PDB file of N, CA and C in Angstrom:
ATOM      1  N   MET A   1       0.903  -1.329   0.165  1.00  0.00           N
ATOM      2  CA  MET A   1      -0.185   0.114  -0.071  1.00  0.00           C
ATOM      3  C   MET A   1       1.075   1.159  -0.312  1.00  0.00           C
ATOM      4  N   TYR A   2       0.581   2.182  -0.592  1.00  0.00           N
ATOM      5  CA  TYR A   2       1.312   3.434  -0.890  1.00  0.00           C
ATOM      6  C   TYR A   2       0.049   4.657  -0.602  1.00  0.00           C
ATOM      7  N   SER A   3       0.823   5.670  -0.003  1.00  0.00           N
ATOM      8  CA  SER A   3       0.004   6.895   0.194  1.00  0.00           C
ATOM      9  C   SER A   3       0.719   7.814  -0.936  1.00  0.00           C
ATOM     10  N   ILE A   4      -0.245   8.263  -1.507  1.00  0.00           N
ATOM     11  CA  ILE A   4      -0.050   9.230  -2.700  1.00  0.00           C
ATOM     12  C   ILE A   4      -0.656  10.392  -2.355  1.00  0.00           C
ATOM     13  N   LYS A   5       0.643  11.410  -2.457  1.00  0.00           N
ATOM     14  CA  LYS A   5       0.238  12.922  -2.198  1.00  0.00           C
ATOM     15  C   LYS A   5       0.694  13.651  -3.606  1.00  0.00           C
ATOM     16  N   PRO A   6      -0.494  14.480  -4.062  1.00  0.00           N
ATOM     17  CA  PRO A   6      -0.193  14.886  -5.169  1.00  0.00           C
ATOM     18  C   PRO A   6       0.120  16.638  -5.031  1.00  0.00           C
ATOM     19  N   LEU A   7       1.225  17.213  -5.634  1.00  0.00           N
ATOM     20  CA  LEU A   7       1.611  18.530  -5.632  1.00  0.00           C
ATOM     21  C   LEU A   7       0.471  19.169  -6.304  1.00  0.00           C
ATOM     22  N   PRO A   8       0.224  20.746  -6.176  1.00  0.00           N
ATOM     23  CA  PRO A   8      -0.571  21.110  -6.743  1.00  0.00           C
ATOM     24  C   PRO A   8      -0.443  21.338  -8.321  1.00  0.00           C
ATOM     25  N   GLU A   9       0.609  21.336  -8.769  1.00  0.00           N
ATOM     26  CA  GLU A   9       0.923  21.277 -10.174  1.00  0.00           C
ATOM     27  C   GLU A   9       0.637  20.123 -10.834  1.00  0.00           C
ATOM     28  N   PHE A  10       0.598  18.990 -10.091  1.00  0.00           N
ATOM     29  CA  PHE A  10      -0.060  17.700 -10.584  1.00  0.00           C
ATOM     30  C   PHE A  10      -1.581  17.897 -10.587  1.00  0.00           C
ATOM     31  N   THR A  11      -2.262  18.214  -9.727  1.00  0.00           N
ATOM     32  CA  THR A  11      -3.167  18.489  -9.712  1.00  0.00           C
ATOM     33  C   THR A  11      -4.061  19.112 -10.891  1.00  0.00           C
ATOM     34  N   THR A  12      -3.381  20.197 -10.985  1.00  0.00           N
ATOM     35  CA  THR A  12      -3.866  21.263 -11.830  1.00  0.00           C
ATOM     36  C   THR A  12      -3.755  20.692 -13.401  1.00  0.00           C
ATOM     37  N   TRP A  13      -2.689  20.267 -13.676  1.00  0.00           N
ATOM     38  CA  TRP A  13      -2.430  19.141 -14.839  1.00  0.00           C
ATOM     39  C   TRP A  13      -3.619  18.017 -14.999  1.00  0.00           C
ATOM     40  N   LEU A  14      -3.787  17.352 -14.048  1.00  0.00           N
ATOM     41  CA  LEU A  14      -4.879  16.128 -14.187  1.00  0.00           C
ATOM     42  C   LEU A  14      -6.024  16.772 -14.471  1.00  0.00           C
ATOM     43  N   ASP A  15      -6.573  17.674 -13.620  1.00  0.00           N
ATOM     44  CA  ASP A  15      -7.940  18.274 -13.908  1.00  0.00           C
ATOM     45  C   ASP A  15      -8.069  19.145 -15.127  1.00  0.00           C
ATOM     46  N   GLY A  16      -6.918  19.505 -15.500  1.00  0.00           N
ATOM     47  CA  GLY A  16      -6.803  20.661 -16.866  1.00  0.00           C
ATOM     48  C   GLY A  16      -6.897  19.469 -18.094  1.00  0.00           C
ATOM     49  N   LEU A  17      -6.882  18.338 -17.945  1.00  0.00           N
ATOM     50  CA  LEU A  17      -6.955  17.385 -19.190  1.00  0.00           C
ATOM     51  C   LEU A  17      -8.404  17.661 -19.710  1.00  0.00           C
ATOM     52  N   LYS A  18      -8.528  17.604 -20.930  1.00  0.00           N
ATOM     53  CA  LYS A  18     -10.042  18.020 -21.489  1.00  0.00           C
ATOM     54  C   LYS A  18     -10.784  16.870 -21.556  1.00  0.00           C
ATOM     55  N   ASP A  19     -10.288  15.557 -21.827  1.00  0.00           N
ATOM     56  CA  ASP A  19     -11.070  14.395 -22.366  1.00  0.00           C
ATOM     57  C   ASP A  19     -11.284  13.630 -20.677  1.00  0.00           C
ATOM     58  N   ARG A  20     -12.473  13.623 -20.537  1.00  0.00           N
ATOM     59  CA  ARG A  20     -12.783  12.984 -19.149  1.00  0.00           C
ATOM     60  C   ARG A  20     -12.544  11.330 -19.055  1.00  0.00           C
ATOM     61  N   VAL A  21     -12.478  10.550 -20.167  1.00  0.00           N
ATOM     62  CA  VAL A  21     -12.222   9.436 -20.306  1.00  0.00           C
ATOM     63  C   VAL A  21     -11.015   9.551 -19.597  1.00  0.00           C
ATOM     64  N   THR A  22      -9.948  10.286 -19.991  1.00  0.00           N
ATOM     65  CA  THR A  22      -8.466  10.075 -19.988  1.00  0.00           C
ATOM     66  C   THR A  22      -8.353  10.270 -18.526  1.00  0.00           C
ATOM     67  N   ARG A  23      -9.004  11.220 -17.949  1.00  0.00           N
ATOM     68  CA  ARG A  23      -8.831  11.799 -16.703  1.00  0.00           C
ATOM     69  C   ARG A  23      -9.384  10.420 -15.818  1.00  0.00           C
ATOM     70  N   LEU A  24     -10.406   9.992 -16.166  1.00  0.00           N
ATOM     71  CA  LEU A  24     -10.766   8.602 -15.224  1.00  0.00           C
ATOM     72  C   LEU A  24      -9.692   7.530 -15.397  1.00  0.00           C
ATOM     73  N   ARG A  25      -9.188   7.478 -16.199  1.00  0.00           N
ATOM     74  CA  ARG A  25      -8.123   5.877 -16.610  1.00  0.00           C
ATOM     75  C   ARG A  25      -6.795   6.530 -16.105  1.00  0.00           C
ATOM     76  N   LEU A  26      -6.385   7.876 -15.944  1.00  0.00           N
ATOM     77  CA  LEU A  26      -5.221   8.014 -15.399  1.00  0.00           C
ATOM     78  C   LEU A  26      -5.272   7.988 -13.778  1.00  0.00           C
ATOM     79  N   ALA A  27      -6.591   8.314 -13.299  1.00  0.00           N
ATOM     80  CA  ALA A  27      -7.038   8.207 -11.721  1.00  0.00           C
ATOM     81  C   ALA A  27      -7.334   7.052 -11.296  1.00  0.00           C
ATOM     82  N   ARG A  28      -7.789   5.959 -12.135  1.00  0.00           N
ATOM     83  CA  ARG A  28      -7.676   4.541 -11.870  1.00  0.00           C
ATOM     84  C   ARG A  28      -6.630   4.149 -11.601  1.00  0.00           C
ATOM     85  N   ARG A  29      -5.202   4.532 -12.657  1.00  0.00           N
ATOM     86  CA  ARG A  29      -3.951   4.078 -12.380  1.00  0.00           C
ATOM     87  C   ARG A  29      -3.695   4.293 -11.229  1.00  0.00           C
ATOM     88  N   LEU A  30      -3.805   5.802 -10.672  1.00  0.00           N
ATOM     89  CA  LEU A  30      -3.198   6.212  -9.228  1.00  0.00           C
ATOM     90  C   LEU A  30      -4.060   5.295  -8.225  1.00  0.00           C
ATOM     91  N   ASP A  31      -5.048   4.987  -8.318  1.00  0.00           N
ATOM     92  CA  ASP A  31      -5.932   3.953  -7.438  1.00  0.00           C
ATOM     93  C   ASP A  31      -5.333   2.652  -7.226  1.00  0.00           C
ATOM     94  N   LYS A  32      -5.093   2.228  -8.355  1.00  0.00           N
ATOM     95  CA  LYS A  32      -4.053   0.954  -8.358  1.00  0.00           C
ATOM     96  C   LYS A  32      -2.790   0.953  -7.767  1.00  0.00           C
ATOM     97  N   ALA A  33      -2.047   2.200  -7.707  1.00  0.00           N
ATOM     98  CA  ALA A  33      -0.751   2.296  -7.233  1.00  0.00           C
ATOM     99  C   ALA A  33      -0.962   2.543  -5.843  1.00  0.00           C
ATOM    100  N   GLN A  34      -2.000   3.165  -5.512  1.00  0.00           N
ATOM    101  CA  GLN A  34      -2.273   3.222  -4.192  1.00  0.00           C
ATOM    102  C   GLN A  34      -2.205   2.018  -3.241  1.00  0.00           C
ATOM    103  N   ARG A  35      -2.758   1.030  -4.110  1.00  0.00           N
ATOM    104  CA  ARG A  35      -2.944  -0.587  -3.589  1.00  0.00           C
ATOM    105  C   ARG A  35      -1.817  -1.264  -3.872  1.00  0.00           C
ATOM    106  N   GLY A  36      -0.816  -0.627  -4.233  1.00  0.00           N
ATOM    107  CA  GLY A  36       0.493  -1.292  -4.466  1.00  0.00           C
ATOM    108  C   GLY A  36       0.813  -1.953  -5.549  1.00  0.00           C
ATOM    109  N   ASN A  37       0.151  -1.515  -6.765  1.00  0.00           N
ATOM    110  CA  ASN A  37       0.289  -2.223  -8.118  1.00  0.00           C
ATOM    111  C   ASN A  37       0.695  -1.000  -8.958  1.00  0.00           C
ATOM    112  N   LEU A  38       2.123  -0.548  -9.121  1.00  0.00           N
ATOM    113  CA  LEU A  38       2.596   0.513  -9.675  1.00  0.00           C
ATOM    114  C   LEU A  38       2.580   0.281 -11.130  1.00  0.00           C
ATOM    115  N   GLY A  39       2.481  -0.808 -11.874  1.00  0.00           N
ATOM    116  CA  GLY A  39       2.333  -0.996 -13.176  1.00  0.00           C
ATOM    117  C   GLY A  39       3.939  -0.666 -14.033  1.00  0.00           C
ATOM    118  N   ASP A  40       3.562  -0.471 -14.990  1.00  0.00           N
ATOM    119  CA  ASP A  40       4.712  -0.012 -15.939  1.00  0.00           C
ATOM    120  C   ASP A  40       5.326   1.530 -15.180  1.00  0.00           C
ATOM    121  N   VAL A  41       6.385   1.341 -14.850  1.00  0.00           N
ATOM    122  CA  VAL A  41       7.019   2.240 -14.315  1.00  0.00           C
ATOM    123  C   VAL A  41       8.594   2.353 -14.762  1.00  0.00           C
ATOM    124  N   LYS A  42       9.039   3.686 -14.970  1.00  0.00           N
ATOM    125  CA  LYS A  42      10.630   3.680 -15.383  1.00  0.00           C
ATOM    126  C   LYS A  42      11.276   4.784 -14.567  1.00  0.00           C
ATOM    127  N   VAL A  43      12.561   4.821 -14.603  1.00  0.00           N
ATOM    128  CA  VAL A  43      13.237   5.542 -13.954  1.00  0.00           C
ATOM    129  C   VAL A  43      13.675   6.743 -14.809  1.00  0.00           C
ATOM    130  N   VAL A  44      13.426   8.006 -14.497  1.00  0.00           N
ATOM    131  CA  VAL A  44      14.000   8.875 -15.683  1.00  0.00           C
ATOM    132  C   VAL A  44      14.934  10.119 -15.127  1.00  0.00           C
ATOM    133  N   GLY A  45      15.610   9.763 -13.901  1.00  0.00           N
ATOM    134  CA  GLY A  45      16.652  10.240 -13.292  1.00  0.00           C
ATOM    135  C   GLY A  45      16.423  11.289 -12.026  1.00  0.00           C
ATOM    136  N   ASP A  46      17.553  11.343 -11.532  1.00  0.00           N
ATOM    137  CA  ASP A  46      17.541  12.153 -10.208  1.00  0.00           C
ATOM    138  C   ASP A  46      16.387  11.834  -9.177  1.00  0.00           C
ATOM    139  N   GLY A  47      15.963  10.430  -9.238  1.00  0.00           N
ATOM    140  CA  GLY A  47      15.326   9.884  -8.238  1.00  0.00           C
ATOM    141  C   GLY A  47      13.639   9.965  -8.668  1.00  0.00           C
ATOM    142  N   VAL A  48      13.228  10.659 -10.056  1.00  0.00           N
ATOM    143  CA  VAL A  48      12.162  10.777 -10.661  1.00  0.00           C
ATOM    144  C   VAL A  48      11.803   9.881 -11.434  1.00  0.00           C
ATOM    145  N   PHE A  49      10.658   8.980 -11.278  1.00  0.00           N
ATOM    146  CA  PHE A  49      10.173   7.977 -11.847  1.00  0.00           C
ATOM    147  C   PHE A  49       8.885   8.394 -12.780  1.00  0.00           C
ATOM    148  N   GLU A  50       8.263   7.495 -13.768  1.00  0.00           N
ATOM    149  CA  GLU A  50       7.353   7.937 -14.321  1.00  0.00           C
ATOM    150  C   GLU A  50       6.387   6.644 -14.598  1.00  0.00           C
ATOM    151  N   MET A  51       5.226   6.804 -14.107  1.00  0.00           N
ATOM    152  CA  MET A  51       4.133   5.725 -14.674  1.00  0.00           C
ATOM    153  C   MET A  51       3.814   6.185 -16.183  1.00  0.00           C
ATOM    154  N   ARG A  52       3.832   5.094 -16.713  1.00  0.00           N
ATOM    155  CA  ARG A  52       3.960   4.950 -18.248  1.00  0.00           C
ATOM    156  C   ARG A  52       2.387   4.456 -18.341  1.00  0.00           C
ATOM    157  N   GLU A  53       1.583   5.337 -19.174  1.00  0.00           N
ATOM    158  CA  GLU A  53       0.073   4.615 -19.942  1.00  0.00           C
ATOM    159  C   GLU A  53       0.187   4.406 -21.067  1.00  0.00           C
ATOM    160  N   HIS A  54      -0.068   3.243 -21.791  1.00  0.00           N
ATOM    161  CA  HIS A  54      -0.086   2.936 -23.261  1.00  0.00           C
ATOM    162  C   HIS A  54      -1.494   3.201 -23.671  1.00  0.00           C
ATOM    163  N   PHE A  55      -1.985   4.306 -23.778  1.00  0.00           N
ATOM    164  CA  PHE A  55      -3.310   4.706 -24.703  1.00  0.00           C
ATOM    165  C   PHE A  55      -2.946   6.155 -25.057  1.00  0.00           C
ATOM    166  N   GLY A  56      -3.874   6.525 -25.827  1.00  0.00           N
ATOM    167  CA  GLY A  56      -3.564   8.064 -26.509  1.00  0.00           C
ATOM    168  C   GLY A  56      -2.364   8.582 -26.946  1.00  0.00           C
ATOM    169  N   PRO A  57      -1.642   9.558 -26.629  1.00  0.00           N
ATOM    170  CA  PRO A  57      -0.387   9.843 -27.003  1.00  0.00           C
ATOM    171  C   PRO A  57       0.493   9.197 -26.066  1.00  0.00           C
ATOM    172  N   GLY A  58       0.344   8.530 -25.146  1.00  0.00           N
ATOM    173  CA  GLY A  58       1.308   7.630 -24.688  1.00  0.00           C
ATOM    174  C   GLY A  58       1.369   8.735 -23.131  1.00  0.00           C
ATOM    175  N   TRP A  59       0.638   8.723 -22.163  1.00  0.00           N
ATOM    176  CA  TRP A  59       0.580   9.325 -20.701  1.00  0.00           C
ATOM    177  C   TRP A  59       1.541   9.009 -19.915  1.00  0.00           C
ATOM    178  N   ARG A  60       2.071   9.826 -19.310  1.00  0.00           N
ATOM    179  CA  ARG A  60       3.158   9.654 -18.337  1.00  0.00           C
ATOM    180  C   ARG A  60       2.599  10.568 -17.284  1.00  0.00           C
ATOM    181  N   MET A  61       3.031  10.015 -16.015  1.00  0.00           N
ATOM    182  CA  MET A  61       2.866  10.898 -14.832  1.00  0.00           C
ATOM    183  C   MET A  61       3.923  10.668 -13.609  1.00  0.00           C
ATOM    184  N   TYR A  62       4.808  11.837 -13.286  1.00  0.00           N
ATOM    185  CA  TYR A  62       5.980  11.723 -12.684  1.00  0.00           C
ATOM    186  C   TYR A  62       5.839  12.080 -11.361  1.00  0.00           C
ATOM    187  N   TYR A  63       6.826  11.141 -10.537  1.00  0.00           N
ATOM    188  CA  TYR A  63       6.812  11.177  -9.079  1.00  0.00           C
ATOM    189  C   TYR A  63       8.223  10.905  -8.665  1.00  0.00           C
ATOM    190  N   ILE A  64       8.082  11.166  -7.128  1.00  0.00           N
ATOM    191  CA  ILE A  64       9.283  10.418  -6.559  1.00  0.00           C
ATOM    192  C   ILE A  64       8.468   9.764  -5.609  1.00  0.00           C
ATOM    193  N   GLN A  65       9.557   8.797  -4.754  1.00  0.00           N
ATOM    194  CA  GLN A  65       9.027   8.099  -3.623  1.00  0.00           C
ATOM    195  C   GLN A  65       9.944   8.485  -2.233  1.00  0.00           C
ATOM    196  N   ARG A  66       9.266   8.414  -1.552  1.00  0.00           N
ATOM    197  CA  ARG A  66       9.880   8.882  -0.093  1.00  0.00           C
ATOM    198  C   ARG A  66       9.536   7.608   0.729  1.00  0.00           C
ATOM    199  N   GLY A  67      10.919   6.889   1.104  1.00  0.00           N
ATOM    200  CA  GLY A  67      10.583   5.596   2.047  1.00  0.00           C
ATOM    201  C   GLY A  67       9.878   4.526   1.312  1.00  0.00           C
ATOM    202  N   GLU A  68       9.279   3.769   1.755  1.00  0.00           N
ATOM    203  CA  GLU A  68       8.627   2.580   1.207  1.00  0.00           C
ATOM    204  C   GLU A  68       7.257   2.774   0.798  1.00  0.00           C
ATOM    205  N   THR A  69       6.592   3.787   1.374  1.00  0.00           N
ATOM    206  CA  THR A  69       5.319   3.793   1.106  1.00  0.00           C
ATOM    207  C   THR A  69       4.472   5.401   0.620  1.00  0.00           C
ATOM    208  N   LEU A  70       5.616   6.150   0.362  1.00  0.00           N
ATOM    209  CA  LEU A  70       5.118   7.420   0.059  1.00  0.00           C
ATOM    210  C   LEU A  70       5.496   7.823  -1.387  1.00  0.00           C
ATOM    211  N   ILE A  71       4.053   8.343  -1.934  1.00  0.00           N
ATOM    212  CA  ILE A  71       4.772   8.644  -3.273  1.00  0.00           C
ATOM    213  C   ILE A  71       4.027   9.849  -3.594  1.00  0.00           C
ATOM    214  N   ILE A  72       5.047  11.024  -3.988  1.00  0.00           N
ATOM    215  CA  ILE A  72       4.733  12.566  -4.184  1.00  0.00           C
ATOM    216  C   ILE A  72       4.707  12.353  -5.823  1.00  0.00           C
ATOM    217  N   MET A  73       2.925  12.968  -6.527  1.00  0.00           N
ATOM    218  CA  MET A  73       2.869  13.216  -7.560  1.00  0.00           C
ATOM    219  C   MET A  73       3.414  14.484  -7.887  1.00  0.00           C
ATOM    220  N   LEU A  74       4.359  14.495  -9.385  1.00  0.00           N
ATOM    221  CA  LEU A  74       4.944  16.082  -9.755  1.00  0.00           C
ATOM    222  C   LEU A  74       4.200  16.560 -10.573  1.00  0.00           C
ATOM    223  N   GLY A  75       3.881  15.816 -11.666  1.00  0.00           N
ATOM    224  CA  GLY A  75       3.161  16.519 -12.715  1.00  0.00           C
ATOM    225  C   GLY A  75       3.049  15.044 -13.897  1.00  0.00           C
ATOM    226  N   GLY A  76       2.636  15.614 -14.970  1.00  0.00           N
ATOM    227  CA  GLY A  76       2.411  14.751 -16.059  1.00  0.00           C
ATOM    228  C   GLY A  76       2.517  15.416 -17.281  1.00  0.00           C
ATOM    229  N   GLY A  77       2.114  14.625 -18.181  1.00  0.00           N
ATOM    230  CA  GLY A  77       2.375  14.881 -19.609  1.00  0.00           C
ATOM    231  C   GLY A  77       2.130  13.518 -20.801  1.00  0.00           C
ATOM    232  N   ASP A  78       2.591  13.726 -21.940  1.00  0.00           N
ATOM    233  CA  ASP A  78       2.554  12.632 -22.862  1.00  0.00           C
ATOM    234  C   ASP A  78       3.934  12.568 -23.641  1.00  0.00           C
ATOM    235  N   LYS A  79       3.924  11.433 -24.303  1.00  0.00           N
ATOM    236  CA  LYS A  79       5.077  11.345 -25.255  1.00  0.00           C
ATOM    237  C   LYS A  79       5.811  12.035 -25.369  1.00  0.00           C
ATOM    238  N   SER A  80       5.160  12.931 -26.331  1.00  0.00           N
ATOM    239  CA  SER A  80       5.478  14.147 -27.123  1.00  0.00           C
ATOM    240  C   SER A  80       5.957  15.671 -26.340  1.00  0.00           C
ATOM    241  N   THR A  81       5.586  15.246 -24.971  1.00  0.00           N
ATOM    242  CA  THR A  81       6.412  16.766 -24.067  1.00  0.00           C
ATOM    243  C   THR A  81       7.206  15.903 -23.117  1.00  0.00           C
ATOM    244  N   GLN A  82       7.367  14.559 -23.202  1.00  0.00           N
ATOM    245  CA  GLN A  82       8.238  14.224 -22.076  1.00  0.00           C
ATOM    246  C   GLN A  82       9.614  14.826 -21.807  1.00  0.00           C
ATOM    247  N   SER A  83      10.394  15.131 -22.884  1.00  0.00           N
ATOM    248  CA  SER A  83      11.615  15.837 -22.504  1.00  0.00           C
ATOM    249  C   SER A  83      11.542  17.306 -21.665  1.00  0.00           C
ATOM    250  N   SER A  84      10.276  17.992 -22.096  1.00  0.00           N
ATOM    251  CA  SER A  84      10.373  19.263 -21.186  1.00  0.00           C
ATOM    252  C   SER A  84       9.601  19.054 -19.969  1.00  0.00           C
ATOM    253  N   ASP A  85       9.056  18.013 -20.004  1.00  0.00           N
ATOM    254  CA  ASP A  85       8.216  17.406 -18.406  1.00  0.00           C
ATOM    255  C   ASP A  85       9.244  17.220 -17.385  1.00  0.00           C
ATOM    256  N   ILE A  86      10.188  16.538 -17.790  1.00  0.00           N
ATOM    257  CA  ILE A  86      11.143  15.999 -16.713  1.00  0.00           C
ATOM    258  C   ILE A  86      12.069  17.098 -16.463  1.00  0.00           C
TER     259      ILE A  86
END
């Protein structure tokens, strides 16, 4: 089990997505992560990880982990904005 704490920037990004289905799918991914199933994750550097979702443009949600149970959500984007997001 993980405790997920979104930063305001992450919440603004997620809430700002225009497609309701995309928002719901990404929120569902966070629910799964909270229950311990992180799914497809990749290290992107300096302690930052990305949760990768393989639908639409290839959604990414960036986070850091503190301890064994705390995940702090930093922001998000898609494959096309990955370099600038990181």
